Amino acid sequence: MTTALEAAKYLVELASREPDEAEPMTNLRVQKLLYYAQGWHLGLFGRPLFADPLQAWKNGPVVPTVYEAVKSAVGDMPARPLTLTDLGTAVLPGRDRVFLETIWKKYRTFSATGLKELSHAEPPWIEARGAVPEGGVSDAEITAESLGRFFGSLPEAAISNPRELDDAYEGEAATLEKPPVPFAKLRQRRRGAV
């Protein structure tokens, strides 16, 4: 299973590939993207993308382990844009890369503030916050059950056979993970064709 930190590293990498990316990837933004990645993974496949818990902090969903890793990399500057060198290179299976690319395509146009507002209007965050007032401190967990129930109920999650979707991600990932053909094999193929 992927860790939330590895997923965060890959989201930073995806943002860095965008030449016209208007919104920088900050700790706030990556936290919300992790929430959406976890929610959709639970809603579509019935299992988490990563085991790290999500909490309902005052500025929206947060994965505390990633928050601390980013804080140690950039200091007490939560609005500082993250770079590829801040967290290091992601080590992820191809299937998880393809899934995170899908999440990135869906949410990349949202600012950190836009993602915060969107998540604040959704049942998983609202349920976890309970009676905590807006802006109040909380470390209540956003449960996998709540995420799966909400994201699984969205129209985009209405698929007749989740295994087909899983197979599609595996197939797409396989095209990314094919090892390069060694030069000696290419030479053998060429001799056989002549």
C-alpha atoms as a PDB file:
ATOM      1  CA  MET A   1       0.000   0.000   0.000  1.00  0.00           C
ATOM      2  CA  THR A   2       1.189   3.502  -0.830  1.00  0.00           C
ATOM      3  CA  THR A   3       1.928   5.949   1.967  1.00  0.00           C
ATOM      4  CA  ALA A   4       0.355   9.391   2.050  1.00  0.00           C
ATOM      5  CA  LEU A   5       3.829  10.939   1.895  1.00  0.00           C
ATOM      6  CA  GLU A   6       4.641   9.103  -1.345  1.00  0.00           C
ATOM      7  CA  ALA A   7       1.304  10.232  -2.788  1.00  0.00           C
ATOM      8  CA  ALA A   8       2.073  13.825  -1.720  1.00  0.00           C
ATOM      9  CA  LYS A   9       5.501  13.663  -3.385  1.00  0.00           C
ATOM     10  CA  TYR A  10       3.894  12.555  -6.631  1.00  0.00           C
ATOM     11  CA  LEU A  11       1.263  15.308  -6.488  1.00  0.00           C
ATOM     12  CA  VAL A  12       4.071  17.867  -6.078  1.00  0.00           C
ATOM     13  CA  GLU A  13       5.793  16.284  -9.075  1.00  0.00           C
ATOM     14  CA  LEU A  14       2.607  16.472 -11.176  1.00  0.00           C
ATOM     15  CA  ALA A  15       2.171  20.159 -10.334  1.00  0.00           C
ATOM     16  CA  SER A  16       5.791  20.859 -11.250  1.00  0.00           C
ATOM     17  CA  ARG A  17       5.217  19.398 -14.732  1.00  0.00           C
ATOM     18  CA  GLU A  18       2.581  22.019 -15.518  1.00  0.00           C
ATOM     19  CA  PRO A  19       4.203  25.014 -17.241  1.00  0.00           C
ATOM     20  CA  ASP A  20       1.063  27.117 -16.853  1.00  0.00           C
ATOM     21  CA  GLU A  21       0.265  26.130 -13.263  1.00  0.00           C
ATOM     22  CA  ALA A  22      -1.199  29.294 -11.759  1.00  0.00           C
ATOM     23  CA  GLU A  23      -1.611  28.002  -8.206  1.00  0.00           C
ATOM     24  CA  PRO A  24       1.502  26.824  -6.359  1.00  0.00           C
ATOM     25  CA  MET A  25       1.498  23.469  -4.600  1.00  0.00           C
ATOM     26  CA  THR A  26       1.513  24.346  -0.916  1.00  0.00           C
ATOM     27  CA  ASN A  27       1.021  22.225   2.187  1.00  0.00           C
ATOM     28  CA  LEU A  28      -2.627  23.334   2.304  1.00  0.00           C
ATOM     29  CA  ARG A  29      -3.241  22.355  -1.308  1.00  0.00           C
ATOM     30  CA  VAL A  30      -1.489  18.997  -1.145  1.00  0.00           C
ATOM     31  CA  GLN A  31      -3.459  18.107   2.003  1.00  0.00           C
ATOM     32  CA  LYS A  32      -6.764  18.661   0.241  1.00  0.00           C
ATOM     33  CA  LEU A  33      -5.630  16.691  -2.808  1.00  0.00           C
ATOM     34  CA  LEU A  34      -4.720  13.785  -0.520  1.00  0.00           C
ATOM     35  CA  TYR A  35      -8.240  13.940   0.921  1.00  0.00           C
ATOM     36  CA  TYR A  36      -9.733  13.688  -2.577  1.00  0.00           C
ATOM     37  CA  ALA A  37      -7.352  10.902  -3.585  1.00  0.00           C
ATOM     38  CA  GLN A  38      -8.222   8.871  -0.495  1.00  0.00           C
ATOM     39  CA  GLY A  39     -11.943   9.566  -0.837  1.00  0.00           C
ATOM     40  CA  TRP A  40     -12.148   8.589  -4.492  1.00  0.00           C
ATOM     41  CA  HIS A  41     -10.010   5.494  -3.959  1.00  0.00           C
ATOM     42  CA  LEU A  42     -12.334   4.333  -1.186  1.00  0.00           C
ATOM     43  CA  GLY A  43     -15.432   5.267  -3.179  1.00  0.00           C
ATOM     44  CA  LEU A  44     -14.330   3.504  -6.352  1.00  0.00           C
ATOM     45  CA  PHE A  45     -12.368   0.509  -5.112  1.00  0.00           C
ATOM     46  CA  GLY A  46     -13.597   0.034  -1.540  1.00  0.00           C
ATOM     47  CA  ARG A  47     -10.067   0.191  -0.129  1.00  0.00           C
ATOM     48  CA  PRO A  48      -7.772   3.023   0.927  1.00  0.00           C
ATOM     49  CA  LEU A  49      -4.942   4.391  -1.192  1.00  0.00           C
ATOM     50  CA  PHE A  50      -2.852   4.891   1.956  1.00  0.00           C
ATOM     51  CA  ALA A  51      -3.146   3.834   5.604  1.00  0.00           C
ATOM     52  CA  ASP A  52      -2.342   7.222   7.162  1.00  0.00           C
ATOM     53  CA  PRO A  53      -5.365   8.776   8.898  1.00  0.00           C
ATOM     54  CA  LEU A  54      -7.016  11.997   7.762  1.00  0.00           C
ATOM     55  CA  GLN A  55      -8.093  14.517  10.378  1.00  0.00           C
ATOM     56  CA  ALA A  56     -10.655  17.341  10.226  1.00  0.00           C
ATOM     57  CA  TRP A  57      -8.511  20.359  11.113  1.00  0.00           C
ATOM     58  CA  LYS A  58      -9.907  23.884  11.045  1.00  0.00           C
ATOM     59  CA  ASN A  59      -8.578  24.552   7.527  1.00  0.00           C
ATOM     60  CA  GLY A  60      -9.884  21.287   6.160  1.00  0.00           C
ATOM     61  CA  PRO A  61      -8.724  17.686   5.893  1.00  0.00           C
ATOM     62  CA  VAL A  62      -5.103  16.995   6.857  1.00  0.00           C
ATOM     63  CA  VAL A  63      -2.859  13.936   6.926  1.00  0.00           C
ATOM     64  CA  PRO A  64      -0.770  14.737  10.032  1.00  0.00           C
ATOM     65  CA  THR A  65       2.237  12.645   8.940  1.00  0.00           C
ATOM     66  CA  VAL A  66       2.469  14.575   5.668  1.00  0.00           C
ATOM     67  CA  TYR A  67       1.856  17.894   7.410  1.00  0.00           C
ATOM     68  CA  GLU A  68       4.814  17.242   9.716  1.00  0.00           C
ATOM     69  CA  ALA A  69       7.058  16.061   6.848  1.00  0.00           C
ATOM     70  CA  VAL A  70       6.284  19.206   4.839  1.00  0.00           C
ATOM     71  CA  LYS A  71       6.719  21.411   7.906  1.00  0.00           C
ATOM     72  CA  SER A  72      10.157  19.923   8.562  1.00  0.00           C
ATOM     73  CA  ALA A  73      11.090  20.532   4.906  1.00  0.00           C
ATOM     74  CA  VAL A  74       9.849  24.121   4.570  1.00  0.00           C
ATOM     75  CA  GLY A  75       9.703  25.334   8.159  1.00  0.00           C
ATOM     76  CA  ASP A  76       6.879  27.397   9.574  1.00  0.00           C
ATOM     77  CA  MET A  77       5.882  28.779   6.163  1.00  0.00           C
ATOM     78  CA  PRO A  78       2.699  26.881   5.219  1.00  0.00           C
ATOM     79  CA  ALA A  79       2.070  29.090   2.181  1.00  0.00           C
ATOM     80  CA  ARG A  80       5.538  28.485   0.697  1.00  0.00           C
ATOM     81  CA  PRO A  81       5.283  26.609  -2.614  1.00  0.00           C
ATOM     82  CA  LEU A  82       6.661  23.093  -2.489  1.00  0.00           C
ATOM     83  CA  THR A  83       9.395  22.041  -4.880  1.00  0.00           C
ATOM     84  CA  LEU A  84      10.549  18.630  -6.049  1.00  0.00           C
ATOM     85  CA  THR A  85      13.566  18.790  -3.733  1.00  0.00           C
ATOM     86  CA  ASP A  86      11.504  19.531  -0.613  1.00  0.00           C
ATOM     87  CA  LEU A  87      10.102  16.029  -0.159  1.00  0.00           C
ATOM     88  CA  GLY A  88      12.171  13.939  -2.547  1.00  0.00           C
ATOM     89  CA  THR A  89      11.181  11.629  -5.371  1.00  0.00           C
ATOM     90  CA  ALA A  90       8.017   9.569  -5.124  1.00  0.00           C
ATOM     91  CA  VAL A  91       8.328   5.802  -5.035  1.00  0.00           C
ATOM     92  CA  LEU A  92       4.936   4.528  -6.175  1.00  0.00           C
ATOM     93  CA  PRO A  93       3.570   1.592  -8.136  1.00  0.00           C
ATOM     94  CA  GLY A  94       2.472   2.548 -11.638  1.00  0.00           C
ATOM     95  CA  ARG A  95      -1.176   1.889 -10.795  1.00  0.00           C
ATOM     96  CA  ASP A  96      -1.094   4.473  -7.997  1.00  0.00           C
ATOM     97  CA  ARG A  97       0.658   6.967 -10.269  1.00  0.00           C
ATOM     98  CA  VAL A  98      -2.078   6.594 -12.875  1.00  0.00           C
ATOM     99  CA  PHE A  99      -4.759   6.988 -10.200  1.00  0.00           C
ATOM    100  CA  LEU A 100      -3.128  10.144  -8.784  1.00  0.00           C
ATOM    101  CA  GLU A 101      -2.810  11.566 -12.306  1.00  0.00           C
ATOM    102  CA  THR A 102      -6.584  11.125 -12.630  1.00  0.00           C
ATOM    103  CA  ILE A 103      -7.145  12.972  -9.348  1.00  0.00           C
ATOM    104  CA  TRP A 104      -4.750  15.723 -10.443  1.00  0.00           C
ATOM    105  CA  LYS A 105      -6.600  16.194 -13.738  1.00  0.00           C
ATOM    106  CA  LYS A 106      -9.912  16.445 -11.896  1.00  0.00           C
ATOM    107  CA  TYR A 107      -8.798  18.950  -9.231  1.00  0.00           C
ATOM    108  CA  ARG A 108      -5.771  20.791 -10.638  1.00  0.00           C
ATOM    109  CA  THR A 109      -7.762  23.901 -11.507  1.00  0.00           C
ATOM    110  CA  PHE A 110      -8.768  24.407  -7.866  1.00  0.00           C
ATOM    111  CA  SER A 111      -6.729  26.692  -5.632  1.00  0.00           C
ATOM    112  CA  ALA A 112      -5.864  25.637  -2.099  1.00  0.00           C
ATOM    113  CA  THR A 113      -8.664  27.895  -0.862  1.00  0.00           C
ATOM    114  CA  GLY A 114     -11.108  26.468  -3.408  1.00  0.00           C
ATOM    115  CA  LEU A 115     -10.288  22.908  -2.324  1.00  0.00           C
ATOM    116  CA  LYS A 116     -10.655  23.941   1.323  1.00  0.00           C
ATOM    117  CA  GLU A 117     -14.116  25.406   0.671  1.00  0.00           C
ATOM    118  CA  LEU A 118     -15.157  22.381  -1.376  1.00  0.00           C
ATOM    119  CA  SER A 119     -14.077  19.924   1.327  1.00  0.00           C
ATOM    120  CA  HIS A 120     -15.765  21.987   4.072  1.00  0.00           C
ATOM    121  CA  ALA A 121     -19.102  21.505   2.306  1.00  0.00           C
ATOM    122  CA  GLU A 122     -18.824  17.707   2.139  1.00  0.00           C
ATOM    123  CA  PRO A 123     -20.218  15.194   4.648  1.00  0.00           C
ATOM    124  CA  PRO A 124     -16.925  13.462   5.635  1.00  0.00           C
ATOM    125  CA  TRP A 125     -15.410  16.708   6.961  1.00  0.00           C
ATOM    126  CA  ILE A 126     -18.706  17.942   8.430  1.00  0.00           C
ATOM    127  CA  GLU A 127     -19.377  14.622  10.206  1.00  0.00           C
ATOM    128  CA  ALA A 128     -15.864  14.449  11.641  1.00  0.00           C
ATOM    129  CA  ARG A 129     -16.070  18.012  12.924  1.00  0.00           C
ATOM    130  CA  GLY A 130     -19.362  17.334  14.710  1.00  0.00           C
ATOM    131  CA  ALA A 131     -20.139  20.189  17.086  1.00  0.00           C
ATOM    132  CA  VAL A 132     -16.730  21.885  16.723  1.00  0.00           C
ATOM    133  CA  PRO A 133     -17.419  25.481  15.643  1.00  0.00           C
ATOM    134  CA  GLU A 134     -16.080  26.856  12.342  1.00  0.00           C
ATOM    135  CA  GLY A 135     -12.436  27.778  12.934  1.00  0.00           C
ATOM    136  CA  GLY A 136     -12.237  25.651  16.086  1.00  0.00           C
ATOM    137  CA  VAL A 137      -9.320  23.317  16.699  1.00  0.00           C
ATOM    138  CA  SER A 138      -9.984  19.611  16.105  1.00  0.00           C
ATOM    139  CA  ASP A 139      -8.017  16.462  15.463  1.00  0.00           C
ATOM    140  CA  ALA A 140     -11.083  14.296  14.849  1.00  0.00           C
ATOM    141  CA  GLU A 141     -10.482  11.544  12.326  1.00  0.00           C
ATOM    142  CA  ILE A 142     -12.269  11.554   8.971  1.00  0.00           C
ATOM    143  CA  THR A 143     -13.114   7.866   8.780  1.00  0.00           C
ATOM    144  CA  ALA A 144     -12.603   5.599   5.814  1.00  0.00           C
ATOM    145  CA  GLU A 145     -16.255   4.579   6.144  1.00  0.00           C
ATOM    146  CA  SER A 146     -17.427   8.179   5.826  1.00  0.00           C
ATOM    147  CA  LEU A 147     -15.155   8.829   2.835  1.00  0.00           C
ATOM    148  CA  GLY A 148     -16.161   5.617   1.071  1.00  0.00           C
ATOM    149  CA  ARG A 149     -19.853   6.243   1.664  1.00  0.00           C
ATOM    150  CA  PHE A 150     -19.745   9.820   0.374  1.00  0.00           C
ATOM    151  CA  PHE A 151     -17.465   9.372  -2.642  1.00  0.00           C
ATOM    152  CA  GLY A 152     -19.095   6.048  -3.509  1.00  0.00           C
ATOM    153  CA  SER A 153     -22.472   7.807  -3.676  1.00  0.00           C
ATOM    154  CA  LEU A 154     -21.357  10.373  -6.261  1.00  0.00           C
ATOM    155  CA  PRO A 155     -22.523   9.863  -9.860  1.00  0.00           C
ATOM    156  CA  GLU A 156     -18.944   9.457 -11.138  1.00  0.00           C
ATOM    157  CA  ALA A 157     -18.542   6.437  -8.852  1.00  0.00           C
ATOM    158  CA  ALA A 158     -21.531   4.608 -10.376  1.00  0.00           C
ATOM    159  CA  ILE A 159     -19.791   1.781 -12.183  1.00  0.00           C
ATOM    160  CA  SER A 160     -21.283  -1.642 -12.593  1.00  0.00           C
ATOM    161  CA  ASN A 161     -18.048  -3.555 -12.100  1.00  0.00           C
ATOM    162  CA  PRO A 162     -15.305  -1.919  -9.993  1.00  0.00           C
ATOM    163  CA  ARG A 163     -12.940  -4.751 -10.990  1.00  0.00           C
ATOM    164  CA  GLU A 164     -13.050  -3.499 -14.600  1.00  0.00           C
ATOM    165  CA  LEU A 165     -11.882  -0.083 -13.431  1.00  0.00           C
ATOM    166  CA  ASP A 166      -9.167  -1.690 -11.327  1.00  0.00           C
ATOM    167  CA  ASP A 167      -8.046  -3.701 -14.377  1.00  0.00           C
ATOM    168  CA  ALA A 168      -8.002  -0.533 -16.499  1.00  0.00           C
ATOM    169  CA  TYR A 169      -5.683   1.193 -14.009  1.00  0.00           C
ATOM    170  CA  GLU A 170      -3.465  -1.905 -13.889  1.00  0.00           C
ATOM    171  CA  GLY A 171      -3.328  -2.007 -17.701  1.00  0.00           C
ATOM    172  CA  GLU A 172      -2.458   1.668 -17.980  1.00  0.00           C
ATOM    173  CA  ALA A 173       0.192   1.281 -15.295  1.00  0.00           C
ATOM    174  CA  ALA A 174       1.698  -1.717 -17.107  1.00  0.00           C
ATOM    175  CA  THR A 175       2.386   0.446 -20.148  1.00  0.00           C
ATOM    176  CA  LEU A 176       4.340   2.842 -17.914  1.00  0.00           C
ATOM    177  CA  GLU A 177       6.324   0.118 -16.172  1.00  0.00           C
ATOM    178  CA  LYS A 178       7.589  -1.877 -19.125  1.00  0.00           C
ATOM    179  CA  PRO A 179      11.338  -2.167 -18.721  1.00  0.00           C
ATOM    180  CA  PRO A 180      13.485  -0.912 -21.573  1.00  0.00           C
ATOM    181  CA  VAL A 181      14.591  -3.569 -24.008  1.00  0.00           C
ATOM    182  CA  PRO A 182      18.321  -4.310 -23.582  1.00  0.00           C
ATOM    183  CA  PHE A 183      20.512  -3.368 -26.528  1.00  0.00           C
ATOM    184  CA  ALA A 184      21.583  -6.996 -27.067  1.00  0.00           C
ATOM    185  CA  LYS A 185      17.933  -8.062 -27.531  1.00  0.00           C
ATOM    186  CA  LEU A 186      17.343  -5.265 -30.033  1.00  0.00           C
ATOM    187  CA  ARG A 187      20.388  -6.419 -31.969  1.00  0.00           C
ATOM    188  CA  GLN A 188      19.079 -10.026 -31.970  1.00  0.00           C
ATOM    189  CA  ARG A 189      15.670  -8.868 -33.225  1.00  0.00           C
ATOM    190  CA  ARG A 190      17.307  -6.847 -35.981  1.00  0.00           C
ATOM    191  CA  ARG A 191      19.427  -9.818 -37.128  1.00  0.00           C
ATOM    192  CA  GLY A 192      16.319 -12.020 -37.183  1.00  0.00           C
ATOM    193  CA  ALA A 193      14.449  -9.485 -39.335  1.00  0.00           C
ATOM    194  CA  VAL A 194      17.222  -9.238 -41.934  1.00  0.00           C
END
